[in-house]
Structure formats: structure tokens, C-alpha cells
Amino acid sequence: MTPEGLALCVTAVTVGAVHTILGPDHYVPFAAMARAGDWSLGKTLRVTAACGLAHVAGSVGIGLVGLALGVAVMRLETIESVRGDIAAWLMIGFGLATMTWGLVRAARSHHPHAHVHAHADGTVHAHPHTHDPAHLHVHEPKPSSAGGLWSPWMLFLLFAFGPCEPLIPLLMYPSATANWSTAAAVVIAFTVATVAVMSVAVVVLRGGASFMPSTGLHRYAHALAGAAILACGVLITLGL
């Protein structure tokens, strides 16, 4: 690899890491949903890595198409900016929906209700209770919950649609000189740095959240996760 190519790869790693750590939307949603959905560490890292790869791949695809069509970098950055605005509003919508659903779910779980138990001798009695975290009555988790099957896919779609603006300028020089091996190395370096920093940040946040007291807040886990995602979307729209 040429010195210029090596310098570009080092820059890609630096830009990818800084861009990721300065954007809470790159890791807060995963830590929040992992906490709410009680995801294992393995699942959390798989979802994070898949979304990180999709995040970079979307911008790489647009960049390559734009370069093949001779679109100037300013035009590409404008396209990425529009994608960013749309992705931010989608994140706001997802966060708001999750928060609202979580609040409704929490309110319903706090209402007292009864379970009927029948014994072999014919005795039947009701067992009234609420779904307070201290209550030990076990219920099968519902697959339709916000921490279930659909939330990882929603995050994946959000990140696939979300732009990765800093990558476009890094691709311009090797692409303009038809040095596709250097262009590929830049993409790989940027991707590895982005996914690695996302994963580390998510693990740290997830570990920190596990030490927070859950008594009284457990039933609001999905609402709090939705609020965190909503806040990330709002911060993006404000350019923060």
C-alpha cells in the first residue's frame, strides 16, 4: 500500500471512531433496547454489529453509484444529509411509539387482576395480584413485546437508512484515481472502527445499566428505552 493509502486508512479509523463516539444515536438505542428486552450479551453484540455494517454499507453503496455516475461530492453529501433527516424522524417515530407502548403496558401491568386456580379436590379460588417487580408470579414473555422479534429489525432498518457522511470524502481520492484496492481498504478500516466503537460503547452502557436499581422501574423499561431513542432522534434533528 502506498503512503497515501496508509494515511487514508489511518484517517478512516480515526474519523470512524470519533464520528461514532460523538453520536449517541450509534449506541444508546442498542443499550436501551437490550436493557428493556433483557437481551443476552451475544444478542446485543450481534444486533449492534449488524446495524453498524448496514449503516456503513448504505453510504458505501450510494457513494459508489454516485461516483460511477460522476456525481460531485457536494451532491453526494446533500443526498446523505437528506437521508439523515429522514432517518432522524424515523428514529423519533420509533422512539415515540415504543415509549407510548411501554407506558400503556406499564399502566396495564399495575392494575390488579386475578388468576383462577382449580385443585384436584374440586376447590377453586382466585389469586388477585398486580405485576409488580416484587411479585414472583411467573408469566411467559410475549413475543410481540418491544424487546422481542421486531425491535432488532426496526433498529436494523433505521441504521441501514441512516447516512454515514464522513465516509464519502474519504472515498473520493482513491476512487478518482481508480485505486480500488485503497478504496476497499478505507471502507474496511472505517467499518471496523465504527462497529468496534459501537460495540464497546454498547457493552459499557449495558453493563452500567445493570447496576441501576430496578425496583419500581422495571415495568417502565420499554417506556424508558423509547424515551432514550426519541431523545437521540431529537438530538440529530437539532444537529447535536
C-alpha atoms as a PDB file:
ATOM      1  CA  MET A   1       0.000   0.000   0.000  1.00  0.00           C
ATOM      2  CA  THR A   2       1.225   3.483  -0.849  1.00  0.00           C
ATOM      3  CA  PRO A   3       1.938   6.042   1.907  1.00  0.00           C
ATOM      4  CA  GLU A   4      -1.112   7.989   0.724  1.00  0.00           C
ATOM      5  CA  GLY A   5      -3.269   4.876   1.033  1.00  0.00           C
ATOM      6  CA  LEU A   6      -1.929   4.133   4.518  1.00  0.00           C
ATOM      7  CA  ALA A   7      -2.606   7.703   5.589  1.00  0.00           C
ATOM      8  CA  LEU A   8      -6.164   7.433   4.288  1.00  0.00           C
ATOM      9  CA  CYS A   9      -6.737   4.207   6.246  1.00  0.00           C
ATOM     10  CA  VAL A  10      -5.409   5.751   9.457  1.00  0.00           C
ATOM     11  CA  THR A  11      -7.658   8.757   8.850  1.00  0.00           C
ATOM     12  CA  ALA A  12     -10.613   6.425   8.204  1.00  0.00           C
ATOM     13  CA  VAL A  13     -10.056   4.656  11.531  1.00  0.00           C
ATOM     14  CA  THR A  14      -9.787   7.960  13.385  1.00  0.00           C
ATOM     15  CA  VAL A  15     -12.796   9.547  11.699  1.00  0.00           C
ATOM     16  CA  GLY A  16     -14.888   6.390  12.121  1.00  0.00           C
ATOM     17  CA  ALA A  17     -14.111   6.150  15.838  1.00  0.00           C
ATOM     18  CA  VAL A  18     -14.643   9.844  16.584  1.00  0.00           C
ATOM     19  CA  HIS A  19     -17.799  10.039  14.442  1.00  0.00           C
ATOM     20  CA  THR A  20     -19.263   7.078  16.323  1.00  0.00           C
ATOM     21  CA  ILE A  21     -18.397   8.083  19.878  1.00  0.00           C
ATOM     22  CA  LEU A  22     -19.681  11.636  19.326  1.00  0.00           C
ATOM     23  CA  GLY A  23     -23.024  10.296  18.075  1.00  0.00           C
ATOM     24  CA  PRO A  24     -25.039   8.783  20.954  1.00  0.00           C
ATOM     25  CA  ASP A  25     -27.538   7.504  18.381  1.00  0.00           C
ATOM     26  CA  HIS A  26     -24.871   4.943  17.405  1.00  0.00           C
ATOM     27  CA  TYR A  27     -25.042   3.116  20.745  1.00  0.00           C
ATOM     28  CA  VAL A  28     -27.722   4.421  23.133  1.00  0.00           C
ATOM     29  CA  PRO A  29     -30.647   2.726  21.264  1.00  0.00           C
ATOM     30  CA  PHE A  30     -28.933  -0.674  21.481  1.00  0.00           C
ATOM     31  CA  ALA A  31     -28.119  -0.390  25.179  1.00  0.00           C
ATOM     32  CA  ALA A  32     -31.660   0.825  25.903  1.00  0.00           C
ATOM     33  CA  MET A  33     -33.375  -1.951  23.941  1.00  0.00           C
ATOM     34  CA  ALA A  34     -31.022  -4.583  25.359  1.00  0.00           C
ATOM     35  CA  ARG A  35     -31.946  -3.481  28.862  1.00  0.00           C
ATOM     36  CA  ALA A  36     -35.681  -3.333  28.140  1.00  0.00           C
ATOM     37  CA  GLY A  37     -35.785  -6.601  26.221  1.00  0.00           C
ATOM     38  CA  ASP A  38     -33.368  -8.428  28.545  1.00  0.00           C
ATOM     39  CA  TRP A  39     -31.134  -9.314  25.597  1.00  0.00           C
ATOM     40  CA  SER A  40     -28.120 -11.501  26.212  1.00  0.00           C
ATOM     41  CA  LEU A  41     -24.676 -10.026  25.595  1.00  0.00           C
ATOM     42  CA  GLY A  42     -24.349 -12.167  22.480  1.00  0.00           C
ATOM     43  CA  LYS A  43     -27.622 -10.951  21.009  1.00  0.00           C
ATOM     44  CA  THR A  44     -26.781  -7.349  21.879  1.00  0.00           C
ATOM     45  CA  LEU A  45     -23.439  -7.553  20.079  1.00  0.00           C
ATOM     46  CA  ARG A  46     -24.934  -9.331  17.056  1.00  0.00           C
ATOM     47  CA  VAL A  47     -27.655  -6.698  16.641  1.00  0.00           C
ATOM     48  CA  THR A  48     -25.142  -3.883  17.137  1.00  0.00           C
ATOM     49  CA  ALA A  49     -22.684  -5.313  14.600  1.00  0.00           C
ATOM     50  CA  ALA A  50     -25.394  -5.992  12.013  1.00  0.00           C
ATOM     51  CA  CYS A  51     -26.747  -2.446  12.325  1.00  0.00           C
ATOM     52  CA  GLY A  52     -23.235  -0.981  12.171  1.00  0.00           C
ATOM     53  CA  LEU A  53     -22.462  -2.884   8.977  1.00  0.00           C
ATOM     54  CA  ALA A  54     -25.769  -1.818   7.438  1.00  0.00           C
ATOM     55  CA  HIS A  55     -25.077   1.789   8.479  1.00  0.00           C
ATOM     56  CA  VAL A  56     -21.785   1.870   6.569  1.00  0.00           C
ATOM     57  CA  ALA A  57     -22.954  -0.274   3.651  1.00  0.00           C
ATOM     58  CA  GLY A  58     -25.785   2.109   2.758  1.00  0.00           C
ATOM     59  CA  SER A  59     -23.419   5.052   2.370  1.00  0.00           C
ATOM     60  CA  VAL A  60     -20.837   2.963   0.505  1.00  0.00           C
ATOM     61  CA  GLY A  61     -23.487   1.866  -1.994  1.00  0.00           C
ATOM     62  CA  ILE A  62     -24.697   5.421  -2.590  1.00  0.00           C
ATOM     63  CA  GLY A  63     -21.118   6.670  -2.839  1.00  0.00           C
ATOM     64  CA  LEU A  64     -20.115   4.078  -5.420  1.00  0.00           C
ATOM     65  CA  VAL A  65     -23.219   4.692  -7.519  1.00  0.00           C
ATOM     66  CA  GLY A  66     -22.639   8.428  -7.338  1.00  0.00           C
ATOM     67  CA  LEU A  67     -19.004   8.100  -8.325  1.00  0.00           C
ATOM     68  CA  ALA A  68     -19.899   5.811 -11.221  1.00  0.00           C
ATOM     69  CA  LEU A  69     -22.396   8.414 -12.442  1.00  0.00           C
ATOM     70  CA  GLY A  70     -19.935  11.237 -11.964  1.00  0.00           C
ATOM     71  CA  VAL A  71     -21.894  12.928  -9.171  1.00  0.00           C
ATOM     72  CA  ALA A  72     -19.822  15.546  -7.322  1.00  0.00           C
ATOM     73  CA  VAL A  73     -19.025  15.061  -3.648  1.00  0.00           C
ATOM     74  CA  MET A  74     -21.195  18.035  -2.679  1.00  0.00           C
ATOM     75  CA  ARG A  75     -24.193  16.406  -4.329  1.00  0.00           C
ATOM     76  CA  LEU A  76     -23.474  13.147  -2.518  1.00  0.00           C
ATOM     77  CA  GLU A  77     -23.206  14.942   0.812  1.00  0.00           C
ATOM     78  CA  THR A  78     -26.537  16.649   0.112  1.00  0.00           C
ATOM     79  CA  ILE A  79     -28.131  13.266  -0.554  1.00  0.00           C
ATOM     80  CA  GLU A  80     -26.641  11.911   2.682  1.00  0.00           C
ATOM     81  CA  SER A  81     -27.934  14.955   4.569  1.00  0.00           C
ATOM     82  CA  VAL A  82     -31.470  14.323   3.321  1.00  0.00           C
ATOM     83  CA  ARG A  83     -31.188  10.674   4.293  1.00  0.00           C
ATOM     84  CA  GLY A  84     -30.009  11.788   7.727  1.00  0.00           C
ATOM     85  CA  ASP A  85     -33.064  13.997   8.227  1.00  0.00           C
ATOM     86  CA  ILE A  86     -35.418  11.185   7.231  1.00  0.00           C
ATOM     87  CA  ALA A  87     -33.581   8.679   9.452  1.00  0.00           C
ATOM     88  CA  ALA A  88     -33.800  11.092  12.389  1.00  0.00           C
ATOM     89  CA  TRP A  89     -37.567  11.438  12.023  1.00  0.00           C
ATOM     90  CA  LEU A  90     -37.922   7.675  11.683  1.00  0.00           C
ATOM     91  CA  MET A  91     -35.956   7.279  14.917  1.00  0.00           C
ATOM     92  CA  ILE A  92     -38.213   9.839  16.588  1.00  0.00           C
ATOM     93  CA  GLY A  93     -41.282   7.923  15.410  1.00  0.00           C
ATOM     94  CA  PHE A  94     -39.876   4.593  16.579  1.00  0.00           C
ATOM     95  CA  GLY A  95     -38.895   6.044  19.949  1.00  0.00           C
ATOM     96  CA  LEU A  96     -42.265   7.717  20.442  1.00  0.00           C
ATOM     97  CA  ALA A  97     -44.154   4.545  19.511  1.00  0.00           C
ATOM     98  CA  THR A  98     -42.020   2.421  21.829  1.00  0.00           C
ATOM     99  CA  MET A  99     -42.354   4.897  24.695  1.00  0.00           C
ATOM    100  CA  THR A 100     -46.133   5.123  24.294  1.00  0.00           C
ATOM    101  CA  TRP A 101     -46.492   1.343  24.094  1.00  0.00           C
ATOM    102  CA  GLY A 102     -44.268   0.979  27.150  1.00  0.00           C
ATOM    103  CA  LEU A 103     -46.352   3.417  29.183  1.00  0.00           C
ATOM    104  CA  VAL A 104     -49.584   1.637  28.219  1.00  0.00           C
ATOM    105  CA  ARG A 105     -48.015  -1.723  29.060  1.00  0.00           C
ATOM    106  CA  ALA A 106     -46.777  -0.409  32.422  1.00  0.00           C
ATOM    107  CA  ALA A 107     -50.203   1.008  33.289  1.00  0.00           C
ATOM    108  CA  ARG A 108     -51.938  -2.254  32.442  1.00  0.00           C
ATOM    109  CA  SER A 109     -49.449  -4.349  34.403  1.00  0.00           C
ATOM    110  CA  HIS A 110     -50.081  -2.265  37.515  1.00  0.00           C
ATOM    111  CA  HIS A 111     -53.830  -2.910  37.505  1.00  0.00           C
ATOM    112  CA  PRO A 112     -54.821  -5.707  39.878  1.00  0.00           C
ATOM    113  CA  HIS A 113     -56.343  -8.801  38.321  1.00  0.00           C
ATOM    114  CA  ALA A 114     -56.995 -12.378  39.339  1.00  0.00           C
ATOM    115  CA  HIS A 115     -55.825 -15.820  38.280  1.00  0.00           C
ATOM    116  CA  VAL A 116     -58.204 -18.722  38.929  1.00  0.00           C
ATOM    117  CA  HIS A 117     -56.678 -21.905  40.322  1.00  0.00           C
ATOM    118  CA  ALA A 118     -58.509 -25.276  40.386  1.00  0.00           C
ATOM    119  CA  HIS A 119     -57.309 -28.075  42.659  1.00  0.00           C
ATOM    120  CA  ALA A 120     -57.746 -31.832  42.355  1.00  0.00           C
ATOM    121  CA  ASP A 121     -60.333 -31.910  45.157  1.00  0.00           C
ATOM    122  CA  GLY A 122     -62.569 -29.554  43.194  1.00  0.00           C
ATOM    123  CA  THR A 123     -61.679 -26.430  45.168  1.00  0.00           C
ATOM    124  CA  VAL A 124     -61.468 -23.303  43.039  1.00  0.00           C
ATOM    125  CA  HIS A 125     -60.064 -19.997  44.249  1.00  0.00           C
ATOM    126  CA  ALA A 126     -58.884 -16.736  42.716  1.00  0.00           C
ATOM    127  CA  HIS A 127     -55.415 -15.277  43.173  1.00  0.00           C
ATOM    128  CA  PRO A 128     -55.561 -11.471  42.794  1.00  0.00           C
ATOM    129  CA  HIS A 129     -52.305  -9.583  42.187  1.00  0.00           C
ATOM    130  CA  THR A 130     -50.573  -6.884  40.182  1.00  0.00           C
ATOM    131  CA  HIS A 131     -47.463  -7.321  38.046  1.00  0.00           C
ATOM    132  CA  ASP A 132     -45.209  -5.510  40.465  1.00  0.00           C
ATOM    133  CA  PRO A 133     -41.496  -6.364  40.106  1.00  0.00           C
ATOM    134  CA  ALA A 134     -41.507  -7.801  43.631  1.00  0.00           C
ATOM    135  CA  HIS A 135     -44.253 -10.258  42.703  1.00  0.00           C
ATOM    136  CA  LEU A 136     -42.903 -13.701  41.967  1.00  0.00           C
ATOM    137  CA  HIS A 137     -45.713 -14.993  39.773  1.00  0.00           C
ATOM    138  CA  VAL A 138     -44.032 -16.097  36.539  1.00  0.00           C
ATOM    139  CA  HIS A 139     -45.560 -15.209  33.181  1.00  0.00           C
ATOM    140  CA  GLU A 140     -44.425 -16.328  29.776  1.00  0.00           C
ATOM    141  CA  PRO A 141     -42.908 -13.342  27.881  1.00  0.00           C
ATOM    142  CA  LYS A 142     -44.898 -12.212  24.890  1.00  0.00           C
ATOM    143  CA  PRO A 143     -43.043 -12.427  21.567  1.00  0.00           C
ATOM    144  CA  SER A 144     -44.717  -9.211  20.433  1.00  0.00           C
ATOM    145  CA  SER A 145     -43.058  -7.115  23.142  1.00  0.00           C
ATOM    146  CA  ALA A 146     -40.848  -4.175  22.190  1.00  0.00           C
ATOM    147  CA  GLY A 147     -37.835  -6.208  23.241  1.00  0.00           C
ATOM    148  CA  GLY A 148     -38.930  -9.168  21.108  1.00  0.00           C
ATOM    149  CA  LEU A 149     -38.504 -10.038  17.482  1.00  0.00           C
ATOM    150  CA  TRP A 150     -39.400  -6.792  15.753  1.00  0.00           C
ATOM    151  CA  SER A 151     -37.275  -4.222  17.621  1.00  0.00           C
ATOM    152  CA  PRO A 152     -33.906  -5.519  16.308  1.00  0.00           C
ATOM    153  CA  TRP A 153     -35.294  -5.365  12.767  1.00  0.00           C
ATOM    154  CA  MET A 154     -36.549  -1.828  13.311  1.00  0.00           C
ATOM    155  CA  LEU A 155     -33.100  -0.795  14.510  1.00  0.00           C
ATOM    156  CA  PHE A 156     -31.531  -2.534  11.511  1.00  0.00           C
ATOM    157  CA  LEU A 157     -33.770  -0.647   9.078  1.00  0.00           C
ATOM    158  CA  LEU A 158     -33.111   2.665  10.824  1.00  0.00           C
ATOM    159  CA  PHE A 159     -29.355   2.219  10.608  1.00  0.00           C
ATOM    160  CA  ALA A 160     -29.432   0.903   7.056  1.00  0.00           C
ATOM    161  CA  PHE A 161     -31.271   4.073   6.056  1.00  0.00           C
ATOM    162  CA  GLY A 162     -29.141   6.354   8.230  1.00  0.00           C
ATOM    163  CA  PRO A 163     -26.223   8.037   6.434  1.00  0.00           C
ATOM    164  CA  CYS A 164     -22.525   7.858   7.249  1.00  0.00           C
ATOM    165  CA  GLU A 165     -21.456  11.252   5.878  1.00  0.00           C
ATOM    166  CA  PRO A 166     -17.753  11.240   6.899  1.00  0.00           C
ATOM    167  CA  LEU A 167     -17.060   8.207   4.714  1.00  0.00           C
ATOM    168  CA  ILE A 168     -17.908   9.903   1.390  1.00  0.00           C
ATOM    169  CA  PRO A 169     -14.965  12.352   1.284  1.00  0.00           C
ATOM    170  CA  LEU A 170     -12.569   9.576   2.302  1.00  0.00           C
ATOM    171  CA  LEU A 171     -13.611   7.558  -0.750  1.00  0.00           C
ATOM    172  CA  MET A 172     -13.157  10.385  -3.238  1.00  0.00           C
ATOM    173  CA  TYR A 173      -9.376  10.315  -3.687  1.00  0.00           C
ATOM    174  CA  PRO A 174      -8.845   6.551  -4.218  1.00  0.00           C
ATOM    175  CA  SER A 175     -11.966   6.366  -6.373  1.00  0.00           C
ATOM    176  CA  ALA A 176     -10.929   9.339  -8.515  1.00  0.00           C
ATOM    177  CA  THR A 177      -7.568   7.690  -9.175  1.00  0.00           C
ATOM    178  CA  ALA A 178      -9.215   4.298  -9.812  1.00  0.00           C
ATOM    179  CA  ASN A 179      -7.278   2.821  -6.902  1.00  0.00           C
ATOM    180  CA  TRP A 180     -10.000   0.413  -5.883  1.00  0.00           C
ATOM    181  CA  SER A 181      -7.818  -1.624  -3.521  1.00  0.00           C
ATOM    182  CA  THR A 182      -7.143   1.503  -1.465  1.00  0.00           C
ATOM    183  CA  ALA A 183     -10.841   2.424  -1.602  1.00  0.00           C
ATOM    184  CA  ALA A 184     -11.711  -1.038  -0.275  1.00  0.00           C
ATOM    185  CA  ALA A 185      -9.091  -0.725   2.480  1.00  0.00           C
ATOM    186  CA  VAL A 186     -10.524   2.655   3.514  1.00  0.00           C
ATOM    187  CA  VAL A 187     -14.043   1.202   3.711  1.00  0.00           C
ATOM    188  CA  ILE A 188     -12.847  -1.781   5.754  1.00  0.00           C
ATOM    189  CA  ALA A 189     -10.862   0.430   8.141  1.00  0.00           C
ATOM    190  CA  PHE A 190     -13.794   2.795   8.628  1.00  0.00           C
ATOM    191  CA  THR A 191     -16.235  -0.104   9.119  1.00  0.00           C
ATOM    192  CA  VAL A 192     -14.067  -1.928  11.654  1.00  0.00           C
ATOM    193  CA  ALA A 193     -13.536   1.258  13.662  1.00  0.00           C
ATOM    194  CA  THR A 194     -17.236   2.139  13.584  1.00  0.00           C
ATOM    195  CA  VAL A 195     -18.518  -1.296  14.584  1.00  0.00           C
ATOM    196  CA  ALA A 196     -15.805  -1.760  17.225  1.00  0.00           C
ATOM    197  CA  VAL A 197     -16.524   1.572  18.930  1.00  0.00           C
ATOM    198  CA  MET A 198     -20.285   0.952  18.736  1.00  0.00           C
ATOM    199  CA  SER A 199     -19.865  -2.459  20.338  1.00  0.00           C
ATOM    200  CA  VAL A 200     -17.587  -1.227  23.138  1.00  0.00           C
ATOM    201  CA  ALA A 201     -19.888   1.709  23.930  1.00  0.00           C
ATOM    202  CA  VAL A 202     -22.960  -0.554  23.994  1.00  0.00           C
ATOM    203  CA  VAL A 203     -21.258  -3.082  26.286  1.00  0.00           C
ATOM    204  CA  VAL A 204     -20.177  -0.308  28.676  1.00  0.00           C
ATOM    205  CA  LEU A 205     -23.659   1.272  28.757  1.00  0.00           C
ATOM    206  CA  ARG A 206     -25.350  -2.107  29.086  1.00  0.00           C
ATOM    207  CA  GLY A 207     -23.059  -3.043  31.970  1.00  0.00           C
ATOM    208  CA  GLY A 208     -23.659   0.284  33.688  1.00  0.00           C
ATOM    209  CA  ALA A 209     -27.417  -0.060  33.318  1.00  0.00           C
ATOM    210  CA  SER A 210     -27.324  -3.446  35.048  1.00  0.00           C
ATOM    211  CA  PHE A 211     -26.194  -1.752  38.284  1.00  0.00           C
ATOM    212  CA  MET A 212     -29.145   0.625  38.318  1.00  0.00           C
ATOM    213  CA  PRO A 213     -31.864  -0.252  40.849  1.00  0.00           C
ATOM    214  CA  SER A 214     -34.776  -1.869  39.056  1.00  0.00           C
ATOM    215  CA  THR A 215     -37.298  -1.861  41.901  1.00  0.00           C
ATOM    216  CA  GLY A 216     -40.274   0.218  40.859  1.00  0.00           C
ATOM    217  CA  LEU A 217     -38.797   0.983  37.415  1.00  0.00           C
ATOM    218  CA  HIS A 218     -38.822  -2.456  35.847  1.00  0.00           C
ATOM    219  CA  ARG A 219     -42.264  -2.120  34.342  1.00  0.00           C
ATOM    220  CA  TYR A 220     -41.210   1.191  32.730  1.00  0.00           C
ATOM    221  CA  ALA A 221     -38.180  -0.355  30.988  1.00  0.00           C
ATOM    222  CA  HIS A 222     -39.689  -0.200  27.493  1.00  0.00           C
ATOM    223  CA  ALA A 223     -41.008   3.314  28.032  1.00  0.00           C
ATOM    224  CA  LEU A 224     -37.558   4.472  29.141  1.00  0.00           C
ATOM    225  CA  ALA A 225     -35.948   2.750  26.156  1.00  0.00           C
ATOM    226  CA  GLY A 226     -38.375   4.512  23.832  1.00  0.00           C
ATOM    227  CA  ALA A 227     -37.626   7.841  25.519  1.00  0.00           C
ATOM    228  CA  ALA A 228     -33.884   7.307  25.010  1.00  0.00           C
ATOM    229  CA  ILE A 229     -34.361   6.544  21.306  1.00  0.00           C
ATOM    230  CA  LEU A 230     -36.696   9.523  20.954  1.00  0.00           C
ATOM    231  CA  ALA A 231     -34.070  11.784  22.551  1.00  0.00           C
ATOM    232  CA  CYS A 232     -31.419  10.537  20.112  1.00  0.00           C
ATOM    233  CA  GLY A 233     -33.660  11.328  17.160  1.00  0.00           C
ATOM    234  CA  VAL A 234     -34.364  14.825  18.508  1.00  0.00           C
ATOM    235  CA  LEU A 235     -30.647  15.474  19.014  1.00  0.00           C
ATOM    236  CA  ILE A 236     -29.973  14.503  15.399  1.00  0.00           C
ATOM    237  CA  THR A 237     -32.616  16.910  14.091  1.00  0.00           C
ATOM    238  CA  LEU A 238     -31.045  19.670  16.204  1.00  0.00           C
ATOM    239  CA  GLY A 239     -27.643  18.890  14.728  1.00  0.00           C
ATOM    240  CA  LEU A 240     -26.170  17.959  18.103  1.00  0.00           C
END
